[in-house]
Amino acid sequence: MTTFLLVFAAFLVIVLAMSVGYLVQRKSISGSCGGLGSVGIDKVCDCDDPCDKRKAKIKREQMLQENRII
């Protein structure tokens, strides 16, 4: 029983550390191959015109890039 509790506690610590890292970095989770961007796909959907949420995200990213350049 103690082995089970030790392993369970270790998994909890690992999951907690991963979640804190995700919250601090605020970047999307991607696979080891780089996700869809590595194969030339910019968005998940096949539509030609991105939705309003995607447009806002693109605009926000462009503004952040402009602020970093200056």
N, C-alpha and C. Protein backbone atom coordinates (compact mmCIF):
# COMPACT_ATOMS: atom_id res chain seq x y z
N MET A 1 0.82 -1.20 0.00
CA MET A 1 0.00 0.00 0.00
C MET A 1 0.86 1.26 0.00
N THR A 2 1.99 1.20 0.69
CA THR A 2 2.85 2.38 0.72
C THR A 2 3.46 2.66 -0.65
N THR A 3 3.75 1.60 -1.41
CA THR A 3 4.27 1.79 -2.76
C THR A 3 3.25 2.51 -3.63
N PHE A 4 2.00 2.10 -3.51
CA PHE A 4 0.94 2.75 -4.27
C PHE A 4 0.83 4.22 -3.91
N LEU A 5 0.87 4.53 -2.63
CA LEU A 5 0.75 5.92 -2.19
C LEU A 5 1.95 6.76 -2.64
N LEU A 6 3.14 6.18 -2.61
CA LEU A 6 4.32 6.91 -3.08
C LEU A 6 4.26 7.19 -4.58
N VAL A 7 3.85 6.20 -5.35
CA VAL A 7 3.73 6.39 -6.80
C VAL A 7 2.62 7.39 -7.11
N PHE A 8 1.51 7.30 -6.42
CA PHE A 8 0.40 8.23 -6.62
C PHE A 8 0.83 9.66 -6.29
N ALA A 9 1.57 9.84 -5.21
CA ALA A 9 2.06 11.16 -4.83
C ALA A 9 3.05 11.69 -5.88
N ALA A 10 3.90 10.80 -6.40
CA ALA A 10 4.86 11.22 -7.42
C ALA A 10 4.13 11.69 -8.69
N PHE A 11 3.09 10.96 -9.08
CA PHE A 11 2.31 11.37 -10.26
C PHE A 11 1.61 12.70 -10.00
N LEU A 12 1.10 12.90 -8.82
CA LEU A 12 0.46 14.17 -8.50
C LEU A 12 1.44 15.33 -8.58
N VAL A 13 2.65 15.13 -8.09
CA VAL A 13 3.66 16.18 -8.15
C VAL A 13 4.02 16.48 -9.60
N ILE A 14 4.15 15.46 -10.42
CA ILE A 14 4.49 15.66 -11.84
C ILE A 14 3.37 16.41 -12.56
N VAL A 15 2.13 16.00 -12.34
CA VAL A 15 1.00 16.68 -12.98
C VAL A 15 0.89 18.12 -12.51
N LEU A 16 1.12 18.36 -11.24
CA LEU A 16 1.08 19.72 -10.71
C LEU A 16 2.17 20.58 -11.34
N ALA A 17 3.37 20.03 -11.46
CA ALA A 17 4.47 20.79 -12.07
C ALA A 17 4.18 21.10 -13.54
N MET A 18 3.60 20.15 -14.25
CA MET A 18 3.27 20.38 -15.66
C MET A 18 2.18 21.44 -15.79
N SER A 19 1.20 21.41 -14.92
CA SER A 19 0.11 22.40 -15.01
C SER A 19 0.61 23.79 -14.65
N VAL A 20 1.48 23.91 -13.69
CA VAL A 20 2.04 25.22 -13.35
C VAL A 20 2.87 25.74 -14.51
N GLY A 21 3.66 24.88 -15.12
CA GLY A 21 4.46 25.29 -16.28
C GLY A 21 3.59 25.76 -17.42
N TYR A 22 2.48 25.08 -17.66
CA TYR A 22 1.56 25.48 -18.73
C TYR A 22 0.93 26.83 -18.41
N LEU A 23 0.52 27.03 -17.17
CA LEU A 23 -0.11 28.30 -16.79
C LEU A 23 0.86 29.46 -16.87
N VAL A 24 2.11 29.23 -16.54
CA VAL A 24 3.11 30.30 -16.56
C VAL A 24 3.48 30.66 -18.00
N GLN A 25 3.68 29.68 -18.86
CA GLN A 25 4.12 29.96 -20.22
C GLN A 25 3.00 30.42 -21.13
N ARG A 26 1.78 29.99 -20.89
CA ARG A 26 0.62 30.38 -21.70
C ARG A 26 0.81 30.12 -23.18
N LYS A 27 1.45 29.03 -23.54
CA LYS A 27 1.57 28.71 -24.94
C LYS A 27 0.89 27.38 -25.19
N SER A 28 0.40 27.21 -26.39
CA SER A 28 -0.37 26.02 -26.69
C SER A 28 0.51 24.77 -26.66
N ILE A 29 -0.09 23.69 -26.32
CA ILE A 29 0.62 22.43 -26.25
C ILE A 29 0.80 21.91 -27.67
N SER A 30 2.01 21.52 -28.02
CA SER A 30 2.27 20.98 -29.35
C SER A 30 3.02 19.66 -29.21
N GLY A 31 2.93 18.88 -30.23
CA GLY A 31 3.59 17.59 -30.22
C GLY A 31 5.09 17.72 -30.44
N SER A 32 5.78 16.62 -30.40
CA SER A 32 7.23 16.65 -30.57
C SER A 32 7.62 17.02 -31.99
N CYS A 33 6.72 16.89 -32.93
CA CYS A 33 7.01 17.22 -34.34
C CYS A 33 6.70 18.68 -34.65
N GLY A 34 6.20 19.45 -33.71
CA GLY A 34 5.93 20.85 -33.94
C GLY A 34 4.49 21.17 -34.27
N GLY A 35 3.64 20.19 -34.30
CA GLY A 35 2.23 20.43 -34.55
C GLY A 35 1.93 20.67 -36.02
N LEU A 36 0.78 21.24 -36.30
CA LEU A 36 0.34 21.46 -37.67
C LEU A 36 1.17 22.51 -38.39
N GLY A 37 1.76 23.43 -37.65
CA GLY A 37 2.57 24.48 -38.28
C GLY A 37 3.77 23.94 -39.02
N SER A 38 4.29 22.80 -38.59
CA SER A 38 5.48 22.25 -39.24
C SER A 38 5.17 21.65 -40.60
N VAL A 39 3.90 21.36 -40.88
CA VAL A 39 3.53 20.82 -42.19
C VAL A 39 2.85 21.87 -43.06
N GLY A 40 2.90 23.14 -42.65
CA GLY A 40 2.39 24.22 -43.48
C GLY A 40 0.92 24.54 -43.28
N ILE A 41 0.31 24.03 -42.23
CA ILE A 41 -1.10 24.32 -41.96
C ILE A 41 -1.15 25.36 -40.85
N ASP A 42 -1.71 26.54 -41.17
CA ASP A 42 -1.77 27.62 -40.20
C ASP A 42 -2.95 27.52 -39.25
N LYS A 43 -4.00 26.86 -39.69
CA LYS A 43 -5.21 26.77 -38.87
C LYS A 43 -5.81 25.38 -38.99
N VAL A 44 -6.60 25.02 -38.02
CA VAL A 44 -7.16 23.68 -37.97
C VAL A 44 -8.29 23.52 -38.97
N CYS A 45 -9.10 24.54 -39.13
CA CYS A 45 -10.24 24.43 -40.03
C CYS A 45 -9.82 24.64 -41.48
N ASP A 46 -10.66 24.24 -42.41
CA ASP A 46 -10.36 24.36 -43.84
C ASP A 46 -10.96 25.62 -44.47
N CYS A 47 -11.56 26.47 -43.69
CA CYS A 47 -12.22 27.65 -44.26
C CYS A 47 -11.18 28.67 -44.74
N ASP A 48 -11.54 29.42 -45.77
CA ASP A 48 -10.63 30.42 -46.34
C ASP A 48 -10.53 31.66 -45.46
N ASP A 49 -11.64 32.05 -44.85
CA ASP A 49 -11.68 33.23 -44.00
C ASP A 49 -11.73 32.80 -42.54
N PRO A 50 -10.73 33.16 -41.72
CA PRO A 50 -10.75 32.73 -40.32
C PRO A 50 -11.90 33.37 -39.55
N CYS A 51 -12.30 32.71 -38.50
CA CYS A 51 -13.39 33.21 -37.67
C CYS A 51 -12.92 34.44 -36.88
N ASP A 52 -13.87 35.13 -36.25
CA ASP A 52 -13.57 36.36 -35.51
C ASP A 52 -12.58 36.11 -34.38
N LYS A 53 -12.72 34.97 -33.72
CA LYS A 53 -11.82 34.65 -32.61
C LYS A 53 -10.39 34.49 -33.11
N ARG A 54 -10.24 33.83 -34.25
CA ARG A 54 -8.91 33.63 -34.84
C ARG A 54 -8.33 34.95 -35.32
N LYS A 55 -9.17 35.82 -35.92
CA LYS A 55 -8.70 37.12 -36.37
C LYS A 55 -8.20 37.95 -35.20
N ALA A 56 -8.92 37.90 -34.07
CA ALA A 56 -8.49 38.64 -32.88
C ALA A 56 -7.16 38.11 -32.36
N LYS A 57 -7.00 36.79 -32.40
CA LYS A 57 -5.75 36.19 -31.93
C LYS A 57 -4.59 36.60 -32.83
N ILE A 58 -4.80 36.61 -34.13
CA ILE A 58 -3.75 37.02 -35.08
C ILE A 58 -3.38 38.48 -34.85
N LYS A 59 -4.38 39.32 -34.66
CA LYS A 59 -4.13 40.74 -34.44
C LYS A 59 -3.35 40.96 -33.14
N ARG A 60 -3.74 40.23 -32.09
CA ARG A 60 -3.06 40.35 -30.80
C ARG A 60 -1.59 39.90 -30.93
N GLU A 61 -1.35 38.82 -31.67
CA GLU A 61 0.02 38.33 -31.86
C GLU A 61 0.85 39.33 -32.65
N GLN A 62 0.24 39.96 -33.66
CA GLN A 62 0.96 40.97 -34.44
C GLN A 62 1.31 42.17 -33.58
N MET A 63 0.40 42.58 -32.72
CA MET A 63 0.67 43.72 -31.84
C MET A 63 1.79 43.39 -30.86
N LEU A 64 1.80 42.17 -30.35
CA LEU A 64 2.87 41.76 -29.45
C LEU A 64 4.22 41.75 -30.17
N GLN A 65 4.24 41.28 -31.42
CA GLN A 65 5.47 41.27 -32.20
C GLN A 65 5.96 42.69 -32.46
N GLU A 66 5.04 43.60 -32.76
CA GLU A 66 5.43 44.99 -33.00
C GLU A 66 6.01 45.63 -31.75
N ASN A 67 5.43 45.31 -30.60
CA ASN A 67 5.93 45.87 -29.34
C ASN A 67 7.31 45.32 -28.98
N ARG A 68 7.59 44.09 -29.37
CA ARG A 68 8.90 43.50 -29.08
C ARG A 68 9.98 44.06 -29.98
N ILE A 69 9.61 44.43 -31.20
CA ILE A 69 10.59 44.95 -32.16
C ILE A 69 11.05 46.33 -31.73
N ILE A 70 10.15 47.13 -31.23
CA ILE A 70 10.46 48.53 -30.88
C ILE A 70 11.35 48.60 -29.67
